[in-house]
Each structure stands twice: as structure tokens, then as C-alpha cells.
PDB file of all heavy atoms in Angstrom:
ATOM      1  N   VAL A   1       7.501   2.247   1.031  1.00  0.00           N
ATOM      2  CA  VAL A   1       7.287   3.697   0.979  1.00  0.00           C
ATOM      3  C   VAL A   1       5.828   3.951   0.617  1.00  0.00           C
ATOM      4  O   VAL A   1       5.338   3.441  -0.386  1.00  0.00           O
ATOM      5  CB  VAL A   1       8.209   4.372  -0.066  1.00  0.00           C
ATOM      6  CG1 VAL A   1       7.922   5.864  -0.141  1.00  0.00           C
ATOM      7  CG2 VAL A   1       9.672   4.131   0.283  1.00  0.00           C
ATOM      8  N   ILE A   2       5.141   4.734   1.453  1.00  0.00           N
ATOM      9  CA  ILE A   2       3.733   5.051   1.213  1.00  0.00           C
ATOM     10  C   ILE A   2       3.606   6.559   1.014  1.00  0.00           C
ATOM     11  O   ILE A   2       3.942   7.346   1.897  1.00  0.00           O
ATOM     12  CB  ILE A   2       2.837   4.583   2.380  1.00  0.00           C
ATOM     13  CG1 ILE A   2       3.028   3.073   2.609  1.00  0.00           C
ATOM     14  CG2 ILE A   2       1.385   4.891   2.084  1.00  0.00           C
ATOM     15  CD1 ILE A   2       2.162   2.499   3.709  1.00  0.00           C
ATOM     16  N   GLY A   3       3.126   6.960  -0.156  1.00  0.00           N
ATOM     17  CA  GLY A   3       3.073   8.367  -0.528  1.00  0.00           C
ATOM     18  C   GLY A   3       1.991   9.155   0.180  1.00  0.00           C
ATOM     19  O   GLY A   3       1.088   8.604   0.815  1.00  0.00           O
ATOM     20  N   ALA A   4       2.073  10.468   0.042  1.00  0.00           N
ATOM     21  CA  ALA A   4       1.184  11.390   0.745  1.00  0.00           C
ATOM     22  C   ALA A   4      -0.285  11.129   0.414  1.00  0.00           C
ATOM     23  O   ALA A   4      -0.651  10.942  -0.739  1.00  0.00           O
ATOM     24  CB  ALA A   4       1.540  12.834   0.375  1.00  0.00           C
ATOM     25  N   GLY A   5      -1.115  11.094   1.463  1.00  0.00           N
ATOM     26  CA  GLY A   5      -2.552  10.953   1.281  1.00  0.00           C
ATOM     27  C   GLY A   5      -3.024   9.558   0.952  1.00  0.00           C
ATOM     28  O   GLY A   5      -4.222   9.348   0.726  1.00  0.00           O
ATOM     29  N   ALA A   6      -2.141   8.576   0.925  1.00  0.00           N
ATOM     30  CA  ALA A   6      -2.549   7.197   0.612  1.00  0.00           C
ATOM     31  C   ALA A   6      -3.285   6.580   1.799  1.00  0.00           C
ATOM     32  O   ALA A   6      -3.045   6.930   2.954  1.00  0.00           O
ATOM     33  CB  ALA A   6      -1.343   6.354   0.248  1.00  0.00           C
ATOM     34  N   THR A   7      -4.180   5.633   1.495  1.00  0.00           N
ATOM     35  CA  THR A   7      -4.957   4.942   2.517  1.00  0.00           C
ATOM     36  C   THR A   7      -4.838   3.441   2.321  1.00  0.00           C
ATOM     37  O   THR A   7      -5.047   2.948   1.215  1.00  0.00           O
ATOM     38  CB  THR A   7      -6.443   5.354   2.445  1.00  0.00           C
ATOM     39  OG1 THR A   7      -6.548   6.775   2.627  1.00  0.00           O
ATOM     40  CG2 THR A   7      -7.259   4.650   3.519  1.00  0.00           C
ATOM     41  N   VAL A   8      -4.503   2.735   3.392  1.00  0.00           N
ATOM     42  CA  VAL A   8      -4.429   1.278   3.365  1.00  0.00           C
ATOM     43  C   VAL A   8      -5.433   0.766   4.390  1.00  0.00           C
ATOM     44  O   VAL A   8      -5.330   1.083   5.581  1.00  0.00           O
ATOM     45  CB  VAL A   8      -3.014   0.762   3.698  1.00  0.00           C
ATOM     46  CG1 VAL A   8      -2.937  -0.744   3.516  1.00  0.00           C
ATOM     47  CG2 VAL A   8      -1.974   1.458   2.827  1.00  0.00           C
ATOM     48  N   LEU A   9      -6.423  -0.003   3.940  1.00  0.00           N
ATOM     49  CA  LEU A   9      -7.541  -0.390   4.790  1.00  0.00           C
ATOM     50  C   LEU A   9      -7.603  -1.903   4.988  1.00  0.00           C
ATOM     51  O   LEU A   9      -7.467  -2.665   4.041  1.00  0.00           O
ATOM     52  CB  LEU A   9      -8.861   0.091   4.185  1.00  0.00           C
ATOM     53  CG  LEU A   9      -9.039   1.608   4.054  1.00  0.00           C
ATOM     54  CD1 LEU A   9     -10.344   1.920   3.331  1.00  0.00           C
ATOM     55  CD2 LEU A   9      -9.026   2.272   5.420  1.00  0.00           C
ATOM     56  N   GLY A  10      -7.863  -2.290   6.234  1.00  0.00           N
ATOM     57  CA  GLY A  10      -8.091  -3.698   6.544  1.00  0.00           C
ATOM     58  C   GLY A  10      -6.812  -4.454   6.844  1.00  0.00           C
ATOM     59  O   GLY A  10      -5.702  -3.907   6.767  1.00  0.00           O
ATOM     60  N   PRO A  11      -6.941  -5.744   7.169  1.00  0.00           N
ATOM     61  CA  PRO A  11      -5.783  -6.570   7.526  1.00  0.00           C
ATOM     62  C   PRO A  11      -4.998  -7.049   6.314  1.00  0.00           C
ATOM     63  O   PRO A  11      -4.666  -8.230   6.195  1.00  0.00           O
ATOM     64  CB  PRO A  11      -6.423  -7.732   8.284  1.00  0.00           C
ATOM     65  CG  PRO A  11      -7.769  -7.887   7.660  1.00  0.00           C
ATOM     66  CD  PRO A  11      -8.222  -6.477   7.321  1.00  0.00           C
ATOM     67  N   VAL A  12      -4.717  -6.146   5.415  1.00  0.00           N
ATOM     68  CA  VAL A  12      -3.963  -6.494   4.206  1.00  0.00           C
ATOM     69  C   VAL A  12      -2.473  -6.478   4.518  1.00  0.00           C
ATOM     70  O   VAL A  12      -2.027  -5.897   5.513  1.00  0.00           O
ATOM     71  CB  VAL A  12      -4.283  -5.526   3.051  1.00  0.00           C
ATOM     72  CG1 VAL A  12      -5.757  -5.564   2.706  1.00  0.00           C
ATOM     73  CG2 VAL A  12      -3.854  -4.110   3.410  1.00  0.00           C
ATOM     74  N   VAL A  13      -1.703  -7.104   3.655  1.00  0.00           N
ATOM     75  CA  VAL A  13      -0.247  -7.143   3.797  1.00  0.00           C
ATOM     76  C   VAL A  13       0.383  -6.410   2.623  1.00  0.00           C
ATOM     77  O   VAL A  13       0.118  -6.742   1.464  1.00  0.00           O
ATOM     78  CB  VAL A  13       0.272  -8.592   3.852  1.00  0.00           C
ATOM     79  CG1 VAL A  13       1.797  -8.604   3.928  1.00  0.00           C
ATOM     80  CG2 VAL A  13      -0.323  -9.338   5.037  1.00  0.00           C
ATOM     81  N   VAL A  14       1.189  -5.412   2.927  1.00  0.00           N
ATOM     82  CA  VAL A  14       1.952  -4.703   1.900  1.00  0.00           C
ATOM     83  C   VAL A  14       3.359  -5.287   1.908  1.00  0.00           C
ATOM     84  O   VAL A  14       4.117  -5.110   2.871  1.00  0.00           O
ATOM     85  CB  VAL A  14       1.986  -3.190   2.175  1.00  0.00           C
ATOM     86  CG1 VAL A  14       2.780  -2.471   1.082  1.00  0.00           C
ATOM     87  CG2 VAL A  14       0.577  -2.630   2.253  1.00  0.00           C
ATOM     88  N   GLY A  15       3.707  -6.020   0.856  1.00  0.00           N
ATOM     89  CA  GLY A  15       4.975  -6.737   0.805  1.00  0.00           C
ATOM     90  C   GLY A  15       6.187  -5.831   0.814  1.00  0.00           C
ATOM     91  O   GLY A  15       6.125  -4.658   0.422  1.00  0.00           O
ATOM     92  N   ARG A  16       7.286  -6.367   1.250  1.00  0.00           N
ATOM     93  CA  ARG A  16       8.521  -5.591   1.375  1.00  0.00           C
ATOM     94  C   ARG A  16       8.973  -5.007   0.040  1.00  0.00           C
ATOM     95  O   ARG A  16       8.680  -5.548  -1.021  1.00  0.00           O
ATOM     96  CB  ARG A  16       9.631  -6.464   1.973  1.00  0.00           C
ATOM     97  CG  ARG A  16      10.037  -7.636   1.109  1.00  0.00           C
ATOM     98  CD  ARG A  16      11.048  -8.508   1.826  1.00  0.00           C
ATOM     99  NE  ARG A  16      10.486  -9.058   3.054  1.00  0.00           N
ATOM    100  CZ  ARG A  16      11.192  -9.664   3.994  1.00  0.00           C
ATOM    101  NH1 ARG A  16      12.494  -9.784   3.852  1.00  0.00           N
ATOM    102  NH2 ARG A  16      10.595 -10.159   5.058  1.00  0.00           N
ATOM    103  N   ASN A  17       9.666  -3.876   0.146  1.00  0.00           N
ATOM    104  CA  ASN A  17      10.226  -3.157  -1.013  1.00  0.00           C
ATOM    105  C   ASN A  17       9.162  -2.594  -1.945  1.00  0.00           C
ATOM    106  O   ASN A  17       9.463  -2.234  -3.081  1.00  0.00           O
ATOM    107  CB  ASN A  17      11.159  -4.063  -1.835  1.00  0.00           C
ATOM    108  CG  ASN A  17      12.301  -4.619  -1.019  1.00  0.00           C
ATOM    109  OD1 ASN A  17      12.857  -3.929  -0.169  1.00  0.00           O
ATOM    110  ND2 ASN A  17      12.643  -5.870  -1.249  1.00  0.00           N
ATOM    111  N   SER A  18       7.923  -2.502  -1.492  1.00  0.00           N
ATOM    112  CA  SER A  18       6.856  -1.990  -2.351  1.00  0.00           C
ATOM    113  C   SER A  18       6.667  -0.488  -2.168  1.00  0.00           C
ATOM    114  O   SER A  18       7.119   0.100  -1.183  1.00  0.00           O
ATOM    115  CB  SER A  18       5.543  -2.719  -2.053  1.00  0.00           C
ATOM    116  OG  SER A  18       5.628  -4.072  -2.420  1.00  0.00           O
ATOM    117  N   LYS A  19       5.975   0.114  -3.137  1.00  0.00           N
ATOM    118  CA  LYS A  19       5.650   1.546  -3.084  1.00  0.00           C
ATOM    119  C   LYS A  19       4.151   1.724  -3.286  1.00  0.00           C
ATOM    120  O   LYS A  19       3.562   1.099  -4.172  1.00  0.00           O
ATOM    121  CB  LYS A  19       6.396   2.324  -4.171  1.00  0.00           C
ATOM    122  CG  LYS A  19       7.905   2.338  -4.029  1.00  0.00           C
ATOM    123  CD  LYS A  19       8.521   3.141  -5.164  1.00  0.00           C
ATOM    124  CE  LYS A  19      10.036   3.132  -5.092  1.00  0.00           C
ATOM    125  NZ  LYS A  19      10.642   3.913  -6.213  1.00  0.00           N
ATOM    126  N   ILE A  20       3.566   2.594  -2.492  1.00  0.00           N
ATOM    127  CA  ILE A  20       2.157   2.955  -2.642  1.00  0.00           C
ATOM    128  C   ILE A  20       2.119   4.410  -3.092  1.00  0.00           C
ATOM    129  O   ILE A  20       2.610   5.297  -2.383  1.00  0.00           O
ATOM    130  CB  ILE A  20       1.372   2.787  -1.319  1.00  0.00           C
ATOM    131  CG1 ILE A  20       1.603   1.393  -0.727  1.00  0.00           C
ATOM    132  CG2 ILE A  20      -0.095   3.054  -1.553  1.00  0.00           C
ATOM    133  CD1 ILE A  20       1.149   0.261  -1.583  1.00  0.00           C
ATOM    134  N   GLY A  21       1.547   4.661  -4.251  1.00  0.00           N
ATOM    135  CA  GLY A  21       1.518   6.016  -4.794  1.00  0.00           C
ATOM    136  C   GLY A  21       0.643   6.956  -3.986  1.00  0.00           C
ATOM    137  O   GLY A  21      -0.301   6.549  -3.310  1.00  0.00           O
ATOM    138  N   SER A  22       0.940   8.238  -4.065  1.00  0.00           N
ATOM    139  CA  SER A  22       0.177   9.266  -3.352  1.00  0.00           C
ATOM    140  C   SER A  22      -1.296   9.215  -3.735  1.00  0.00           C
ATOM    141  O   SER A  22      -1.637   9.110  -4.916  1.00  0.00           O
ATOM    142  CB  SER A  22       0.746  10.653  -3.678  1.00  0.00           C
ATOM    143  OG  SER A  22       2.087  10.753  -3.260  1.00  0.00           O
ATOM    144  N   GLY A  23      -2.173   9.272  -2.720  1.00  0.00           N
ATOM    145  CA  GLY A  23      -3.602   9.289  -2.967  1.00  0.00           C
ATOM    146  C   GLY A  23      -4.231   7.951  -3.276  1.00  0.00           C
ATOM    147  O   GLY A  23      -5.439   7.875  -3.499  1.00  0.00           O
ATOM    148  N   SER A  24      -3.453   6.894  -3.294  1.00  0.00           N
ATOM    149  CA  SER A  24      -3.995   5.565  -3.608  1.00  0.00           C
ATOM    150  C   SER A  24      -4.792   5.011  -2.428  1.00  0.00           C
ATOM    151  O   SER A  24      -4.579   5.398  -1.281  1.00  0.00           O
ATOM    152  CB  SER A  24      -2.867   4.589  -3.955  1.00  0.00           C
ATOM    153  OG  SER A  24      -2.133   5.053  -5.060  1.00  0.00           O
ATOM    154  N   VAL A  25      -5.702   4.092  -2.730  1.00  0.00           N
ATOM    155  CA  VAL A  25      -6.487   3.403  -1.698  1.00  0.00           C
ATOM    156  C   VAL A  25      -6.262   1.909  -1.877  1.00  0.00           C
ATOM    157  O   VAL A  25      -6.682   1.330  -2.873  1.00  0.00           O
ATOM    158  CB  VAL A  25      -7.984   3.743  -1.805  1.00  0.00           C
ATOM    159  CG1 VAL A  25      -8.775   2.965  -0.747  1.00  0.00           C
ATOM    160  CG2 VAL A  25      -8.211   5.237  -1.630  1.00  0.00           C
ATOM    161  N   VAL A  26      -5.600   1.298  -0.911  1.00  0.00           N
ATOM    162  CA  VAL A  26      -5.244  -0.121  -0.995  1.00  0.00           C
ATOM    163  C   VAL A  26      -6.194  -0.928  -0.117  1.00  0.00           C
ATOM    164  O   VAL A  26      -6.308  -0.673   1.087  1.00  0.00           O
ATOM    165  CB  VAL A  26      -3.789  -0.345  -0.539  1.00  0.00           C
ATOM    166  CG1 VAL A  26      -3.438  -1.828  -0.575  1.00  0.00           C
ATOM    167  CG2 VAL A  26      -2.835   0.456  -1.408  1.00  0.00           C
ATOM    168  N   VAL A  27      -6.863  -1.913  -0.708  1.00  0.00           N
ATOM    169  CA  VAL A  27      -7.801  -2.762   0.035  1.00  0.00           C
ATOM    170  C   VAL A  27      -7.494  -4.243  -0.165  1.00  0.00           C
ATOM    171  O   VAL A  27      -8.217  -5.098   0.337  1.00  0.00           O
ATOM    172  CB  VAL A  27      -9.258  -2.466  -0.372  1.00  0.00           C
ATOM    173  CG1 VAL A  27      -9.657  -1.072   0.066  1.00  0.00           C
ATOM    174  CG2 VAL A  27      -9.452  -2.631  -1.876  1.00  0.00           C
ATOM    175  N   LYS A  28      -6.418  -4.550  -0.917  1.00  0.00           N
ATOM    176  CA  LYS A  28      -6.013  -5.938  -1.143  1.00  0.00           C
ATOM    177  C   LYS A  28      -4.520  -6.070  -0.883  1.00  0.00           C
ATOM    178  O   LYS A  28      -3.776  -5.083  -0.917  1.00  0.00           O
ATOM    179  CB  LYS A  28      -6.332  -6.372  -2.580  1.00  0.00           C
ATOM    180  CG  LYS A  28      -7.816  -6.398  -2.908  1.00  0.00           C
ATOM    181  CD  LYS A  28      -8.037  -6.874  -4.337  1.00  0.00           C
ATOM    182  CE  LYS A  28      -9.525  -6.925  -4.675  1.00  0.00           C
ATOM    183  NZ  LYS A  28      -9.757  -7.357  -6.080  1.00  0.00           N
ATOM    184  N   ASP A  29      -4.079  -7.306  -0.643  1.00  0.00           N
ATOM    185  CA  ASP A  29      -2.663  -7.560  -0.402  1.00  0.00           C
ATOM    186  C   ASP A  29      -1.822  -7.081  -1.576  1.00  0.00           C
ATOM    187  O   ASP A  29      -2.229  -7.167  -2.738  1.00  0.00           O
ATOM    188  CB  ASP A  29      -2.415  -9.052  -0.186  1.00  0.00           C
ATOM    189  CG  ASP A  29      -2.981  -9.560   1.140  1.00  0.00           C
ATOM    190  OD1 ASP A  29      -3.361  -8.718   1.978  1.00  0.00           O
ATOM    191  OD2 ASP A  29      -3.049 -10.790   1.328  1.00  0.00           O
ATOM    192  N   VAL A  30      -0.638  -6.585  -1.247  1.00  0.00           N
ATOM    193  CA  VAL A  30       0.305  -6.112  -2.260  1.00  0.00           C
ATOM    194  C   VAL A  30       1.510  -7.047  -2.264  1.00  0.00           C
ATOM    195  O   VAL A  30       2.146  -7.238  -1.225  1.00  0.00           O
ATOM    196  CB  VAL A  30       0.758  -4.671  -1.952  1.00  0.00           C
ATOM    197  CG1 VAL A  30       1.806  -4.219  -2.962  1.00  0.00           C
ATOM    198  CG2 VAL A  30      -0.435  -3.730  -1.950  1.00  0.00           C
ATOM    199  N   PRO A  31       1.850  -7.659  -3.402  1.00  0.00           N
ATOM    200  CA  PRO A  31       3.026  -8.541  -3.454  1.00  0.00           C
ATOM    201  C   PRO A  31       4.311  -7.774  -3.154  1.00  0.00           C
ATOM    202  O   PRO A  31       4.367  -6.548  -3.266  1.00  0.00           O
ATOM    203  CB  PRO A  31       3.017  -9.067  -4.892  1.00  0.00           C
ATOM    204  CG  PRO A  31       1.651  -8.792  -5.412  1.00  0.00           C
ATOM    205  CD  PRO A  31       1.159  -7.581  -4.696  1.00  0.00           C
ATOM    206  N   GLU A  32       5.337  -8.498  -2.776  1.00  0.00           N
ATOM    207  CA  GLU A  32       6.638  -7.873  -2.569  1.00  0.00           C
ATOM    208  C   GLU A  32       7.140  -7.230  -3.866  1.00  0.00           C
ATOM    209  O   GLU A  32       6.782  -7.636  -4.967  1.00  0.00           O
ATOM    210  CB  GLU A  32       7.657  -8.918  -2.101  1.00  0.00           C
ATOM    211  CG  GLU A  32       7.329  -9.538  -0.758  1.00  0.00           C
ATOM    212  CD  GLU A  32       8.380 -10.559  -0.343  1.00  0.00           C
ATOM    213  OE1 GLU A  32       9.343 -10.767  -1.124  1.00  0.00           O
ATOM    214  OE2 GLU A  32       8.228 -11.152   0.738  1.00  0.00           O
ATOM    215  N   ASN A  33       7.964  -6.184  -3.692  1.00  0.00           N
ATOM    216  CA  ASN A  33       8.640  -5.535  -4.831  1.00  0.00           C
ATOM    217  C   ASN A  33       7.666  -4.987  -5.867  1.00  0.00           C
ATOM    218  O   ASN A  33       7.939  -5.027  -7.062  1.00  0.00           O
ATOM    219  CB  ASN A  33       9.591  -6.527  -5.515  1.00  0.00           C
ATOM    220  CG  ASN A  33      10.535  -7.199  -4.549  1.00  0.00           C
ATOM    221  OD1 ASN A  33      11.260  -6.530  -3.826  1.00  0.00           O
ATOM    222  ND2 ASN A  33      10.495  -8.520  -4.490  1.00  0.00           N
TER     223      ASN A  33
END
């Protein structure tokens, strides 16, 4: 689930069952869960 206004940049991997908070900027891999 990726919240409103969030940005995920580059060939990163967002692991399963994860949540990205609204307005966040993700530039590194996110572990599962």
C-alpha cells in the first residue's frame, strides 16, 4: 500500500506486505513486511 503523494524513485524493490506513508520519498530497497 502506497499512500497519497508518495514517491518511489529508481530500480528499488518494495517488499511484499509493506506500507509507504503519504508524502514519503523512497530511494532505497524496502524489506518485506
